[in-house]
Amino acid sequence: MMNIGAVSCIAMGAVFAVMSFLVALLKERGAMLIGGFNTLPKGEREKYDKARMSIDQRNAFLIWAAIFTAGAVASFFISRYAAIFAFAAWLILFFKDVHLDTEKAFGKYRL
């Protein structure tokens, strides 16, 4: 029988690994893939360190991919419920970085 938790974690890990690679490949232009940043007016976007934003987003995607990879391995070898812990850990990290206010979301990148 297929372990849906392991398969889900593998799929999510693969998506985040590809996103990490894409952001790393695009370098500064990868900042446009960051939610909320791409909606700022062009003049406003110029006030931010896009290279640092891209590096931080790449690292976040890598961490998320690692969490899901660990969740897949644990779900396959230890317990199917390990995938739930991987998703919970990801949700905590994800919502820690979600901000509705532009200044809170991107303030540390202001030039």
N, C-alpha and C. Protein backbone atom coordinates (compact mmCIF):
# COMPACT_ATOMS: atom_id res chain seq x y z
N MET A 1 0.84 -1.19 0.00
CA MET A 1 0.00 0.00 0.00
C MET A 1 0.88 1.25 0.00
N MET A 2 0.46 2.26 -0.74
CA MET A 2 1.24 3.48 -0.89
C MET A 2 1.12 4.36 0.36
N ASN A 3 2.23 4.91 0.79
CA ASN A 3 2.27 5.80 1.94
C ASN A 3 2.05 7.22 1.44
N ILE A 4 0.82 7.71 1.58
CA ILE A 4 0.45 9.03 1.04
C ILE A 4 1.24 10.15 1.70
N GLY A 5 1.61 9.99 2.96
CA GLY A 5 2.40 11.01 3.65
C GLY A 5 3.79 11.15 3.03
N ALA A 6 4.43 10.02 2.76
CA ALA A 6 5.76 10.05 2.15
C ALA A 6 5.68 10.64 0.74
N VAL A 7 4.68 10.25 -0.02
CA VAL A 7 4.52 10.76 -1.38
C VAL A 7 4.25 12.26 -1.36
N SER A 8 3.41 12.72 -0.45
CA SER A 8 3.11 14.15 -0.34
C SER A 8 4.36 14.94 0.03
N CYS A 9 5.13 14.42 0.96
CA CYS A 9 6.36 15.10 1.37
C CYS A 9 7.38 15.13 0.23
N ILE A 10 7.48 14.04 -0.51
CA ILE A 10 8.40 14.01 -1.64
C ILE A 10 7.98 15.06 -2.68
N ALA A 11 6.69 15.14 -2.95
CA ALA A 11 6.21 16.11 -3.94
C ALA A 11 6.48 17.54 -3.48
N MET A 12 6.17 17.85 -2.22
CA MET A 12 6.40 19.20 -1.71
C MET A 12 7.89 19.52 -1.68
N GLY A 13 8.70 18.56 -1.25
CA GLY A 13 10.15 18.76 -1.22
C GLY A 13 10.70 19.03 -2.61
N ALA A 14 10.20 18.30 -3.60
CA ALA A 14 10.65 18.50 -4.98
C ALA A 14 10.25 19.89 -5.49
N VAL A 15 9.03 20.31 -5.19
CA VAL A 15 8.57 21.63 -5.62
C VAL A 15 9.47 22.72 -5.02
N PHE A 16 9.75 22.63 -3.73
CA PHE A 16 10.57 23.66 -3.09
C PHE A 16 12.02 23.59 -3.53
N ALA A 17 12.53 22.41 -3.84
CA ALA A 17 13.89 22.30 -4.36
C ALA A 17 13.99 22.97 -5.74
N VAL A 18 12.99 22.75 -6.58
CA VAL A 18 12.97 23.38 -7.90
C VAL A 18 12.84 24.90 -7.76
N MET A 19 11.98 25.34 -6.85
CA MET A 19 11.83 26.79 -6.64
C MET A 19 13.13 27.40 -6.14
N SER A 20 13.83 26.71 -5.26
CA SER A 20 15.12 27.18 -4.76
C SER A 20 16.11 27.31 -5.91
N PHE A 21 16.16 26.30 -6.75
CA PHE A 21 17.06 26.33 -7.90
C PHE A 21 16.70 27.48 -8.84
N LEU A 22 15.42 27.69 -9.07
CA LEU A 22 14.96 28.74 -9.97
C LEU A 22 15.34 30.13 -9.43
N VAL A 23 15.11 30.36 -8.14
CA VAL A 23 15.45 31.64 -7.53
C VAL A 23 16.96 31.85 -7.56
N ALA A 24 17.74 30.80 -7.31
CA ALA A 24 19.20 30.91 -7.36
C ALA A 24 19.67 31.20 -8.77
N LEU A 25 19.04 30.58 -9.75
CA LEU A 25 19.41 30.78 -11.14
C LEU A 25 19.11 32.21 -11.61
N LEU A 26 17.99 32.75 -11.15
CA LEU A 26 17.58 34.10 -11.57
C LEU A 26 18.32 35.21 -10.83
N LYS A 27 18.98 34.87 -9.74
CA LYS A 27 19.71 35.83 -8.91
C LYS A 27 18.80 37.00 -8.52
N GLU A 28 19.19 38.24 -8.83
CA GLU A 28 18.40 39.41 -8.41
C GLU A 28 16.99 39.39 -8.99
N ARG A 29 16.85 38.89 -10.19
CA ARG A 29 15.52 38.85 -10.82
C ARG A 29 14.59 37.88 -10.11
N GLY A 30 15.16 36.97 -9.30
CA GLY A 30 14.35 36.03 -8.53
C GLY A 30 13.49 36.70 -7.48
N ALA A 31 13.81 37.93 -7.12
CA ALA A 31 13.00 38.67 -6.15
C ALA A 31 11.58 38.87 -6.67
N MET A 32 11.41 38.87 -7.98
CA MET A 32 10.08 39.05 -8.55
C MET A 32 9.16 37.85 -8.27
N LEU A 33 9.73 36.73 -7.85
CA LEU A 33 8.93 35.57 -7.51
C LEU A 33 8.43 35.60 -6.07
N ILE A 34 8.89 36.58 -5.30
CA ILE A 34 8.49 36.70 -3.91
C ILE A 34 7.12 37.37 -3.85
N GLY A 35 6.19 36.69 -3.21
CA GLY A 35 4.83 37.20 -3.11
C GLY A 35 4.78 38.58 -2.46
N GLY A 36 4.08 39.48 -3.09
CA GLY A 36 3.94 40.83 -2.57
C GLY A 36 4.96 41.80 -3.14
N PHE A 37 6.16 41.34 -3.36
CA PHE A 37 7.20 42.22 -3.89
C PHE A 37 6.91 42.55 -5.35
N ASN A 38 6.41 41.58 -6.08
CA ASN A 38 6.13 41.80 -7.50
C ASN A 38 4.97 42.75 -7.74
N THR A 39 4.19 43.04 -6.71
CA THR A 39 3.06 43.95 -6.87
C THR A 39 3.42 45.40 -6.53
N LEU A 40 4.63 45.61 -5.99
CA LEU A 40 5.07 46.96 -5.68
C LEU A 40 5.35 47.71 -6.98
N PRO A 41 5.14 49.03 -6.99
CA PRO A 41 5.50 49.81 -8.18
C PRO A 41 7.01 49.71 -8.44
N LYS A 42 7.39 49.82 -9.69
CA LYS A 42 8.80 49.65 -10.07
C LYS A 42 9.72 50.59 -9.29
N GLY A 43 9.33 51.82 -9.12
CA GLY A 43 10.14 52.78 -8.37
C GLY A 43 10.33 52.36 -6.92
N GLU A 44 9.31 51.77 -6.34
CA GLU A 44 9.39 51.30 -4.96
C GLU A 44 10.29 50.08 -4.84
N ARG A 45 10.23 49.19 -5.84
CA ARG A 45 11.07 47.98 -5.82
C ARG A 45 12.55 48.31 -5.87
N GLU A 46 12.91 49.43 -6.46
CA GLU A 46 14.31 49.82 -6.58
C GLU A 46 14.91 50.20 -5.23
N LYS A 47 14.10 50.39 -4.23
CA LYS A 47 14.57 50.79 -2.90
C LYS A 47 15.00 49.60 -2.05
N TYR A 48 14.94 48.39 -2.60
CA TYR A 48 15.23 47.18 -1.83
C TYR A 48 16.41 46.43 -2.42
N ASP A 49 17.11 45.70 -1.56
CA ASP A 49 18.24 44.86 -1.96
C ASP A 49 17.69 43.53 -2.49
N LYS A 50 17.48 43.50 -3.80
CA LYS A 50 16.87 42.33 -4.43
C LYS A 50 17.78 41.10 -4.37
N ALA A 51 19.09 41.31 -4.41
CA ALA A 51 20.02 40.17 -4.35
C ALA A 51 19.90 39.47 -2.99
N ARG A 52 19.85 40.24 -1.92
CA ARG A 52 19.73 39.66 -0.58
C ARG A 52 18.36 39.00 -0.39
N MET A 53 17.33 39.62 -0.96
CA MET A 53 15.99 39.02 -0.88
C MET A 53 15.98 37.66 -1.57
N SER A 54 16.62 37.59 -2.73
CA SER A 54 16.65 36.33 -3.47
C SER A 54 17.41 35.25 -2.71
N ILE A 55 18.53 35.64 -2.11
CA ILE A 55 19.31 34.67 -1.33
C ILE A 55 18.50 34.15 -0.15
N ASP A 56 17.83 35.06 0.56
CA ASP A 56 17.02 34.63 1.70
C ASP A 56 15.87 33.74 1.26
N GLN A 57 15.23 34.06 0.14
CA GLN A 57 14.12 33.23 -0.34
C GLN A 57 14.62 31.88 -0.80
N ARG A 58 15.79 31.85 -1.46
CA ARG A 58 16.39 30.59 -1.87
C ARG A 58 16.66 29.71 -0.64
N ASN A 59 17.22 30.32 0.40
CA ASN A 59 17.51 29.57 1.62
C ASN A 59 16.24 29.06 2.29
N ALA A 60 15.20 29.86 2.28
CA ALA A 60 13.92 29.43 2.85
C ALA A 60 13.38 28.22 2.08
N PHE A 61 13.44 28.29 0.75
CA PHE A 61 12.98 27.16 -0.06
C PHE A 61 13.81 25.91 0.22
N LEU A 62 15.12 26.07 0.39
CA LEU A 62 15.98 24.93 0.70
C LEU A 62 15.62 24.31 2.05
N ILE A 63 15.37 25.16 3.04
CA ILE A 63 14.98 24.65 4.37
C ILE A 63 13.66 23.91 4.27
N TRP A 64 12.72 24.48 3.54
CA TRP A 64 11.41 23.82 3.38
C TRP A 64 11.57 22.49 2.66
N ALA A 65 12.41 22.45 1.64
CA ALA A 65 12.65 21.19 0.92
C ALA A 65 13.27 20.16 1.86
N ALA A 66 14.20 20.59 2.71
CA ALA A 66 14.85 19.67 3.65
C ALA A 66 13.84 19.14 4.67
N ILE A 67 12.94 20.00 5.14
CA ILE A 67 11.91 19.56 6.09
C ILE A 67 11.04 18.48 5.46
N PHE A 68 10.62 18.71 4.22
CA PHE A 68 9.76 17.73 3.56
C PHE A 68 10.51 16.45 3.20
N THR A 69 11.79 16.57 2.86
CA THR A 69 12.58 15.38 2.58
C THR A 69 12.73 14.54 3.85
N ALA A 70 13.02 15.22 4.96
CA ALA A 70 13.11 14.50 6.24
C ALA A 70 11.77 13.89 6.61
N GLY A 71 10.69 14.61 6.34
CA GLY A 71 9.35 14.09 6.60
C GLY A 71 9.04 12.86 5.75
N ALA A 72 9.49 12.88 4.50
CA ALA A 72 9.26 11.73 3.62
C ALA A 72 10.03 10.51 4.11
N VAL A 73 11.28 10.71 4.47
CA VAL A 73 12.11 9.60 4.96
C VAL A 73 11.52 9.04 6.26
N ALA A 74 11.18 9.94 7.18
CA ALA A 74 10.61 9.50 8.47
C ALA A 74 9.26 8.84 8.27
N SER A 75 8.47 9.35 7.36
CA SER A 75 7.16 8.77 7.09
C SER A 75 7.28 7.37 6.48
N PHE A 76 8.28 7.19 5.67
CA PHE A 76 8.47 5.90 5.01
C PHE A 76 9.05 4.86 5.97
N PHE A 77 10.05 5.27 6.77
CA PHE A 77 10.76 4.30 7.60
C PHE A 77 10.28 4.22 9.05
N ILE A 78 9.73 5.29 9.59
CA ILE A 78 9.38 5.31 11.01
C ILE A 78 7.87 5.20 11.22
N SER A 79 7.16 6.23 10.78
CA SER A 79 5.70 6.25 10.96
C SER A 79 5.07 7.13 9.91
N ARG A 80 3.91 6.71 9.43
CA ARG A 80 3.22 7.52 8.43
C ARG A 80 2.85 8.90 8.97
N TYR A 81 2.74 9.01 10.27
CA TYR A 81 2.35 10.27 10.88
C TYR A 81 3.47 11.31 10.89
N ALA A 82 4.67 10.90 10.55
CA ALA A 82 5.80 11.85 10.49
C ALA A 82 5.55 12.93 9.45
N ALA A 83 4.80 12.60 8.41
CA ALA A 83 4.48 13.59 7.37
C ALA A 83 3.66 14.73 7.96
N ILE A 84 2.79 14.43 8.90
CA ILE A 84 1.98 15.47 9.54
C ILE A 84 2.89 16.44 10.29
N PHE A 85 3.91 15.91 10.95
CA PHE A 85 4.85 16.78 11.66
C PHE A 85 5.65 17.64 10.69
N ALA A 86 6.00 17.09 9.54
CA ALA A 86 6.73 17.86 8.53
C ALA A 86 5.86 19.01 8.02
N PHE A 87 4.60 18.71 7.72
CA PHE A 87 3.69 19.77 7.26
C PHE A 87 3.47 20.82 8.34
N ALA A 88 3.36 20.39 9.60
CA ALA A 88 3.18 21.34 10.70
C ALA A 88 4.40 22.24 10.86
N ALA A 89 5.59 21.65 10.78
CA ALA A 89 6.83 22.44 10.89
C ALA A 89 6.91 23.45 9.75
N TRP A 90 6.55 23.02 8.54
CA TRP A 90 6.57 23.92 7.40
C TRP A 90 5.56 25.06 7.58
N LEU A 91 4.37 24.72 8.02
CA LEU A 91 3.35 25.76 8.23
C LEU A 91 3.81 26.80 9.24
N ILE A 92 4.45 26.36 10.30
CA ILE A 92 4.95 27.30 11.31
C ILE A 92 5.99 28.24 10.68
N LEU A 93 6.94 27.69 9.95
CA LEU A 93 7.95 28.52 9.30
C LEU A 93 7.34 29.42 8.24
N PHE A 94 6.40 28.89 7.50
CA PHE A 94 5.76 29.68 6.44
C PHE A 94 5.02 30.88 7.01
N PHE A 95 4.18 30.65 7.99
CA PHE A 95 3.38 31.75 8.53
C PHE A 95 4.21 32.71 9.38
N LYS A 96 5.38 32.28 9.84
CA LYS A 96 6.28 33.19 10.54
C LYS A 96 6.77 34.28 9.60
N ASP A 97 6.91 33.95 8.33
CA ASP A 97 7.43 34.89 7.33
C ASP A 97 6.36 35.62 6.54
N VAL A 98 5.10 35.33 6.77
CA VAL A 98 4.02 36.00 6.05
C VAL A 98 3.64 37.29 6.78
N HIS A 99 3.68 38.38 6.04
CA HIS A 99 3.31 39.68 6.60
C HIS A 99 2.39 40.39 5.62
N LEU A 100 1.34 41.02 6.13
CA LEU A 100 0.44 41.77 5.28
C LEU A 100 0.95 43.19 5.03
N ASP A 101 1.83 43.65 5.90
CA ASP A 101 2.40 44.99 5.79
C ASP A 101 3.70 44.91 5.00
N THR A 102 3.83 45.73 3.96
CA THR A 102 5.02 45.73 3.12
C THR A 102 6.28 46.03 3.93
N GLU A 103 6.19 46.98 4.84
CA GLU A 103 7.37 47.35 5.62
C GLU A 103 7.84 46.20 6.51
N LYS A 104 6.90 45.47 7.10
CA LYS A 104 7.29 44.32 7.93
C LYS A 104 7.86 43.20 7.06
N ALA A 105 7.30 43.03 5.88
CA ALA A 105 7.74 41.94 5.00
C ALA A 105 9.12 42.22 4.39
N PHE A 106 9.36 43.47 3.98
CA PHE A 106 10.58 43.77 3.23
C PHE A 106 11.46 44.83 3.87
N GLY A 107 11.10 45.28 5.05
CA GLY A 107 11.85 46.37 5.70
C GLY A 107 13.32 46.08 5.90
N LYS A 108 13.67 44.85 6.21
CA LYS A 108 15.08 44.54 6.46
C LYS A 108 15.92 44.55 5.18
N TYR A 109 15.26 44.63 4.04
CA TYR A 109 15.97 44.66 2.75
C TYR A 109 16.09 46.06 2.17
N ARG A 110 15.56 47.06 2.88
CA ARG A 110 15.58 48.43 2.37
C ARG A 110 17.02 48.92 2.27
N LEU A 111 17.32 49.55 1.15
CA LEU A 111 18.67 50.10 0.92
C LEU A 111 18.85 51.42 1.65
